[in-house]
């Protein structure tokens, strides 16, 4: 009886996880289907027309101007019983506290097949963000073109997300009263190609736009590592498929991967993430002087400092969260 009870609890937890991840998996497709249905099979298409005009004119720049979040939806996104399935932890290991009157750019690695580290740590208060940083408001950034999708954009905005464009980052980091934390997955979807158990690969070598934005706004950079994230999914990968992935991404910007997780009733295959712990660590902020027009040399210098701090954060703490950590490295690509 005890085994049956535990099994039912695990299945229930998986259902909760699926409910939480459903918008991420199928949000754009569901939105497109709803758009077609309203336009061609209902009598409220005039309202749809007004909505489309509104989102592409009056409201088109909201995603670049801090967005708008809904407290209730953010709580729903963190359905406790579902996310306990991982579990997730959020730990501030920095020795230097954040200044309440400053804005910070949290640079998060790795992205993973799904950015569950960023979502669990910053979209929700599941791990205890508000207790770690009570004087700051968290904002998560994602691709701007997602905000062009009717209906789906409302979910993104309501859950506390906004565009990862340069203008969007500068708008938030330039907030004169401070108190903002922007979470940015610097490596982006390209890191999904490397998301499988083993070494931690981060796409950072040629990613320097975030450094330029930080310099222009004088915003400290904060390295963030999510241990365990690469273990929640495996993926199909070989040299021929990888060439196709790179070609498709160069054309569409989409990082196509075939994740291998677990199912609702078994743990060896499916689209659900595996039940593995994810621990997100926040390192010390790197102070940045405000330079309105930074030179390439200044950008390179700050980028080098950030890489060193990120590697240090990883190496200092990997022993606590990675089995056989001696054989696991952080590799910059």
Protein backbone atom coordinates (compact mmCIF):
# COMPACT_ATOMS: atom_id res chain seq x y z
CA UNK A 1 0.00 0.00 0.00
CA UNK A 2 2.87 2.35 0.83
CA UNK A 3 4.42 1.81 -2.61
CA UNK A 4 1.08 2.52 -4.30
CA UNK A 5 0.68 5.76 -2.32
CA UNK A 6 4.18 6.95 -3.24
CA UNK A 7 3.57 6.09 -6.88
CA UNK A 8 0.31 8.07 -6.94
CA UNK A 9 2.02 11.04 -5.29
CA UNK A 10 4.75 10.97 -7.92
CA UNK A 11 2.22 10.81 -10.77
CA UNK A 12 0.31 13.72 -9.20
CA UNK A 13 3.54 15.73 -8.95
CA UNK A 14 4.28 15.02 -12.62
CA UNK A 15 0.82 16.27 -13.60
CA UNK A 16 1.46 19.48 -11.66
CA UNK A 17 4.82 19.94 -13.41
CA UNK A 18 3.13 19.38 -16.78
CA UNK A 19 0.48 22.01 -15.95
CA UNK A 20 3.23 24.48 -15.10
CA UNK A 21 5.25 23.76 -18.25
CA UNK A 22 2.30 23.48 -20.64
CA UNK A 23 2.43 27.16 -21.75
CA UNK A 24 6.15 26.86 -22.47
CA UNK A 25 5.75 23.67 -24.47
CA UNK A 26 2.66 24.49 -26.49
CA UNK A 27 1.85 28.16 -25.81
CA UNK A 28 2.59 29.49 -29.32
CA UNK A 29 0.73 26.61 -31.00
CA UNK A 30 -2.30 26.97 -28.72
CA UNK A 31 -2.30 30.72 -29.32
CA UNK A 32 -2.21 30.26 -33.09
CA UNK A 33 -5.06 27.73 -32.95
CA UNK A 34 -7.14 30.08 -30.79
CA UNK A 35 -6.49 32.95 -33.18
CA UNK A 36 -7.70 30.91 -36.18
CA UNK A 37 -10.75 29.64 -34.28
CA UNK A 38 -11.89 33.11 -33.21
CA UNK A 39 -11.21 34.63 -36.62
CA UNK A 40 -13.07 32.05 -38.71
CA UNK A 41 -15.47 30.16 -36.45
CA UNK A 42 -16.93 32.73 -34.02
CA UNK A 43 -18.84 35.98 -34.19
CA UNK A 44 -16.43 37.89 -31.96
CA UNK A 45 -13.83 38.41 -34.69
CA UNK A 46 -14.32 42.21 -34.48
CA UNK A 47 -12.98 42.06 -30.90
CA UNK A 48 -10.04 40.04 -32.16
CA UNK A 49 -9.36 42.71 -34.78
CA UNK A 50 -9.33 45.41 -32.10
CA UNK A 51 -7.01 43.29 -29.96
CA UNK A 52 -4.56 42.72 -32.81
CA UNK A 53 -4.49 46.43 -33.65
CA UNK A 54 -3.88 47.21 -29.99
CA UNK A 55 -0.99 44.78 -29.47
CA UNK A 56 0.80 45.84 -32.66
CA UNK A 57 0.37 49.59 -32.09
CA UNK A 58 -0.46 50.91 -28.61
CA UNK A 59 0.95 47.96 -26.64
CA UNK A 60 3.78 46.82 -28.91
CA UNK A 61 6.58 48.31 -26.80
CA UNK A 62 5.39 47.12 -23.38
CA UNK A 63 7.82 44.19 -23.52
CA UNK A 64 10.67 46.71 -23.93
CA UNK A 65 9.45 48.95 -21.12
CA UNK A 66 9.54 46.71 -18.07
CA UNK A 67 6.48 44.64 -18.97
CA UNK A 68 3.58 44.07 -16.59
CA UNK A 69 3.24 41.19 -14.18
CA UNK A 70 0.30 39.54 -12.45
CA UNK A 71 0.88 38.42 -8.87
CA UNK A 72 -1.72 35.65 -9.02
CA UNK A 73 -0.29 34.12 -12.19
CA UNK A 74 3.23 34.15 -10.77
CA UNK A 75 1.96 32.18 -7.78
CA UNK A 76 0.22 29.71 -10.10
CA UNK A 77 3.45 29.28 -12.03
CA UNK A 78 4.97 28.07 -8.79
CA UNK A 79 2.46 25.36 -7.89
CA UNK A 80 4.30 24.09 -4.77
CA UNK A 81 3.30 20.44 -4.97
CA UNK A 82 4.44 20.25 -8.57
CA UNK A 83 7.79 21.97 -8.22
CA UNK A 84 8.68 19.91 -5.13
CA UNK A 85 9.12 17.18 -7.70
CA UNK A 86 12.60 18.48 -8.54
CA UNK A 87 13.31 19.92 -5.84
CA UNK A 88 14.71 23.40 -6.43
CA UNK A 89 16.92 25.54 -4.23
CA UNK A 90 17.96 29.17 -4.55
CA UNK A 91 21.08 30.13 -2.58
CA UNK A 92 22.89 33.44 -2.34
CA UNK A 93 26.56 32.67 -1.70
CA UNK A 94 27.75 36.23 -2.32
CA UNK A 95 29.80 37.92 0.38
CA UNK A 96 28.81 41.38 -0.86
CA UNK A 97 25.16 42.40 -0.31
CA UNK A 98 23.19 44.12 -3.04
CA UNK A 99 22.61 47.86 -2.70
CA UNK A 100 18.86 48.62 -2.62
CA UNK A 101 19.31 51.72 -4.80
CA UNK A 102 21.08 49.89 -7.63
CA UNK A 103 19.92 47.74 -10.52
CA UNK A 104 21.67 44.43 -11.23
CA UNK A 105 22.05 42.18 -14.25
CA UNK A 106 21.96 38.54 -13.16
CA UNK A 107 23.65 36.46 -15.87
CA UNK A 108 22.32 32.91 -15.64
CA UNK A 109 23.96 29.70 -16.85
CA UNK A 110 23.32 27.19 -18.26
CA UNK A 111 20.11 27.63 -20.26
CA UNK A 112 19.40 23.90 -20.51
CA UNK A 113 16.88 22.35 -22.87
CA UNK A 114 14.33 24.29 -20.85
CA UNK A 115 15.42 27.24 -18.68
CA UNK A 116 14.08 25.66 -15.50
CA UNK A 117 16.84 27.19 -13.38
CA UNK A 118 15.89 30.73 -14.36
CA UNK A 119 12.16 29.98 -14.16
CA UNK A 120 12.30 28.35 -10.75
CA UNK A 121 14.62 30.95 -9.26
CA UNK A 122 13.25 34.18 -10.75
CA UNK A 123 9.75 33.72 -12.13
CA UNK A 124 8.64 32.36 -8.78
CA UNK A 125 9.54 32.71 -5.13
CA UNK A 126 9.78 28.95 -4.76
CA UNK A 127 13.45 29.01 -3.84
CA UNK A 128 13.21 32.08 -1.64
CA UNK A 129 14.26 34.97 -3.88
CA UNK A 130 12.24 37.51 -1.88
CA UNK A 131 13.95 36.42 1.33
CA UNK A 132 17.42 36.69 -0.24
CA UNK A 133 16.79 40.02 -1.96
CA UNK A 134 13.88 41.75 -0.21
CA UNK A 135 14.75 45.17 -1.66
CA UNK A 136 14.68 44.17 -5.30
CA UNK A 137 12.03 43.26 -7.88
CA UNK A 138 12.88 40.36 -10.20
CA UNK A 139 12.31 40.52 -13.95
CA UNK A 140 13.00 37.66 -16.35
CA UNK A 141 13.91 38.31 -19.99
CA UNK A 142 13.24 36.21 -23.06
CA UNK A 143 13.29 36.51 -26.86
CA UNK A 144 11.52 39.58 -28.16
CA UNK A 145 9.82 37.85 -31.09
CA UNK A 146 7.77 35.77 -28.64
CA UNK A 147 5.93 38.96 -27.70
CA UNK A 148 4.64 39.19 -31.26
CA UNK A 149 2.45 36.10 -30.73
CA UNK A 150 -1.13 37.09 -29.83
CA UNK A 151 -2.43 35.72 -26.50
CA UNK A 152 0.88 34.02 -25.69
CA UNK A 153 2.45 37.43 -25.13
CA UNK A 154 -0.12 38.11 -22.40
CA UNK A 155 1.00 35.00 -20.55
CA UNK A 156 4.65 36.06 -20.81
CA UNK A 157 3.96 39.60 -19.62
CA UNK A 158 1.68 38.48 -16.79
CA UNK A 159 4.23 35.99 -15.50
CA UNK A 160 6.79 38.79 -15.13
CA UNK A 161 8.77 38.45 -18.35
CA UNK A 162 9.91 41.06 -20.82
CA UNK A 163 12.15 41.33 -23.87
CA UNK A 164 15.87 40.54 -23.77
CA UNK A 165 16.60 43.23 -26.36
CA UNK A 166 19.22 45.88 -25.67
CA UNK A 167 16.60 48.61 -25.37
CA UNK A 168 14.61 46.55 -22.89
CA UNK A 169 17.62 45.78 -20.70
CA UNK A 170 18.68 49.43 -20.74
CA UNK A 171 15.16 50.58 -19.85
CA UNK A 172 15.09 48.42 -16.71
CA UNK A 173 18.72 48.84 -15.69
CA UNK A 174 18.38 52.58 -16.20
CA UNK A 175 15.59 52.83 -13.61
CA UNK A 176 16.72 55.84 -11.54
CA UNK A 177 15.46 54.57 -8.18
CA UNK A 178 17.17 51.19 -8.50
CA UNK A 179 15.74 48.08 -6.89
CA UNK A 180 15.58 45.99 -10.09
CA UNK A 181 17.15 42.62 -10.83
CA UNK A 182 17.12 41.44 -14.44
CA UNK A 183 17.63 37.72 -15.03
CA UNK A 184 19.21 37.04 -18.42
CA UNK A 185 20.09 33.62 -19.88
CA UNK A 186 23.16 34.90 -21.74
CA UNK A 187 23.85 31.69 -23.65
CA UNK A 188 20.29 31.57 -24.91
CA UNK A 189 18.72 28.67 -26.74
CA UNK A 190 22.07 27.69 -28.30
CA UNK A 191 23.10 26.23 -24.96
CA UNK A 192 20.30 23.69 -25.35
CA UNK A 193 22.54 21.87 -27.86
CA UNK A 194 24.97 21.06 -25.03
CA UNK A 195 22.38 20.21 -22.36
CA UNK A 196 23.14 16.66 -21.26
CA UNK A 197 24.81 15.10 -18.24
CA UNK A 198 28.56 15.59 -18.02
CA UNK A 199 30.54 18.79 -18.40
CA UNK A 200 28.75 22.12 -18.15
CA UNK A 201 28.99 23.96 -21.47
CA UNK A 202 28.11 27.65 -21.51
CA UNK A 203 27.88 29.78 -24.65
CA UNK A 204 29.77 32.87 -23.57
CA UNK A 205 32.99 33.29 -25.54
CA UNK A 206 31.44 35.60 -28.16
CA UNK A 207 28.46 36.83 -26.13
CA UNK A 208 29.44 40.36 -25.17
CA UNK A 209 26.31 42.42 -25.76
CA UNK A 210 25.26 42.04 -22.12
CA UNK A 211 28.63 43.49 -21.05
CA UNK A 212 28.11 46.54 -23.24
CA UNK A 213 24.64 47.12 -21.77
CA UNK A 214 26.02 46.82 -18.25
CA UNK A 215 28.75 49.36 -18.98
CA UNK A 216 26.32 51.83 -20.54
CA UNK A 217 24.12 51.70 -17.45
CA UNK A 218 26.75 51.18 -14.78
CA UNK A 219 24.94 48.02 -13.65
CA UNK A 220 26.88 45.37 -11.73
CA UNK A 221 27.06 41.91 -13.32
CA UNK A 222 26.16 38.95 -11.13
CA UNK A 223 27.16 35.38 -12.15
CA UNK A 224 24.47 32.73 -11.56
CA UNK A 225 24.91 28.96 -11.92
CA UNK A 226 22.18 26.31 -11.81
CA UNK A 227 23.70 22.99 -10.77
CA UNK A 228 21.79 19.89 -11.83
CA UNK A 229 19.90 21.57 -14.66
CA UNK A 230 21.69 19.60 -17.39
CA UNK A 231 20.63 16.33 -15.72
CA UNK A 232 16.85 16.75 -15.97
CA UNK A 233 16.88 15.95 -19.70
CA UNK A 234 18.98 13.92 -22.08
CA UNK A 235 18.73 14.45 -25.83
CA UNK A 236 19.18 12.79 -29.20
CA UNK A 237 22.48 13.95 -30.63
CA UNK A 238 24.89 12.92 -33.41
CA UNK A 239 27.14 14.73 -35.89
CA UNK A 240 24.66 14.66 -38.80
CA UNK A 241 21.76 15.88 -36.70
CA UNK A 242 23.96 18.55 -35.12
CA UNK A 243 24.77 19.99 -38.56
CA UNK A 244 21.05 20.12 -39.30
CA UNK A 245 20.43 21.82 -35.92
CA UNK A 246 23.06 24.48 -36.64
CA UNK A 247 21.66 25.07 -40.13
CA UNK A 248 18.10 25.42 -38.85
CA UNK A 249 19.16 27.80 -36.08
CA UNK A 250 21.07 29.97 -38.58
CA UNK A 251 17.92 30.27 -40.70
CA UNK A 252 15.15 30.51 -38.09
CA UNK A 253 16.86 31.23 -34.77
CA UNK A 254 15.20 28.09 -33.35
CA UNK A 255 17.35 25.60 -31.42
CA UNK A 256 15.69 22.31 -32.34
CA UNK A 257 16.35 19.52 -29.85
CA UNK A 258 14.63 16.24 -29.08
CA UNK A 259 14.59 15.97 -25.28
CA UNK A 260 14.50 12.66 -23.48
CA UNK A 261 12.97 12.92 -20.05
CA UNK A 262 10.38 10.76 -18.35
CA UNK A 263 6.70 9.96 -18.76
CA UNK A 264 3.72 10.31 -16.47
CA UNK A 265 3.69 6.64 -15.49
CA UNK A 266 7.35 5.65 -15.99
CA UNK A 267 10.77 7.27 -15.65
CA UNK A 268 12.72 6.11 -18.68
CA UNK A 269 11.21 8.08 -21.59
CA UNK A 270 8.93 11.10 -22.13
CA UNK A 271 8.72 14.88 -22.35
CA UNK A 272 8.62 15.60 -18.62
CA UNK A 273 11.86 16.62 -16.91
CA UNK A 274 13.43 13.96 -14.72
CA UNK A 275 13.12 14.20 -10.96
CA UNK A 276 16.54 15.69 -10.28
CA UNK A 277 17.51 18.48 -7.84
CA UNK A 278 18.29 21.92 -9.31
CA UNK A 279 20.30 24.31 -7.16
CA UNK A 280 20.78 27.89 -8.33
CA UNK A 281 23.68 29.80 -6.79
CA UNK A 282 24.12 33.57 -6.94
CA UNK A 283 27.69 34.83 -6.82
CA UNK A 284 29.26 38.15 -5.89
CA UNK A 285 28.35 41.20 -7.98
CA UNK A 286 31.05 42.62 -10.24
CA UNK A 287 31.08 46.39 -9.89
CA UNK A 288 30.77 48.24 -13.20
CA UNK A 289 31.58 51.90 -13.84
CA UNK A 290 29.08 53.71 -16.04
CA UNK A 291 30.56 54.46 -19.47
CA UNK A 292 28.18 55.94 -22.01
CA UNK A 293 30.22 54.84 -25.02
CA UNK A 294 32.42 51.93 -23.96
CA UNK A 295 35.35 50.99 -26.18
CA UNK A 296 35.90 47.44 -27.39
CA UNK A 297 38.87 47.19 -25.05
CA UNK A 298 36.70 48.10 -22.06
CA UNK A 299 34.08 45.55 -23.13
CA UNK A 300 36.71 42.84 -23.51
CA UNK A 301 38.21 43.63 -20.11
CA UNK A 302 34.88 43.40 -18.28
CA UNK A 303 33.93 40.28 -20.21
CA UNK A 304 37.19 38.63 -19.12
CA UNK A 305 36.50 39.55 -15.49
CA UNK A 306 33.03 38.09 -15.69
CA UNK A 307 34.25 34.81 -17.19
CA UNK A 308 36.81 34.44 -14.38
CA UNK A 309 34.16 35.06 -11.70
CA UNK A 310 31.74 32.61 -13.31
CA UNK A 311 34.38 29.88 -13.48
CA UNK A 312 35.37 30.60 -9.88
CA UNK A 313 31.76 30.35 -8.71
CA UNK A 314 31.42 27.00 -10.47
CA UNK A 315 34.69 25.53 -9.21
CA UNK A 316 34.20 26.73 -5.63
CA UNK A 317 30.82 25.01 -5.26
CA UNK A 318 30.65 22.11 -7.71
CA UNK A 319 31.83 19.66 -5.03
CA UNK A 320 28.63 20.22 -3.09
CA UNK A 321 26.21 19.62 -5.97
CA UNK A 322 27.87 17.42 -8.59
CA UNK A 323 28.72 13.73 -8.10
CA UNK A 324 32.29 12.95 -9.20
CA UNK A 325 32.91 16.70 -9.48
CA UNK A 326 36.60 16.15 -10.15
CA UNK A 327 35.69 14.93 -13.63
CA UNK A 328 33.24 17.74 -14.41
CA UNK A 329 34.38 21.08 -15.84
CA UNK A 330 32.79 24.36 -16.85
CA UNK A 331 33.63 24.77 -20.54
CA UNK A 332 33.27 28.15 -22.27
CA UNK A 333 32.24 27.90 -25.92
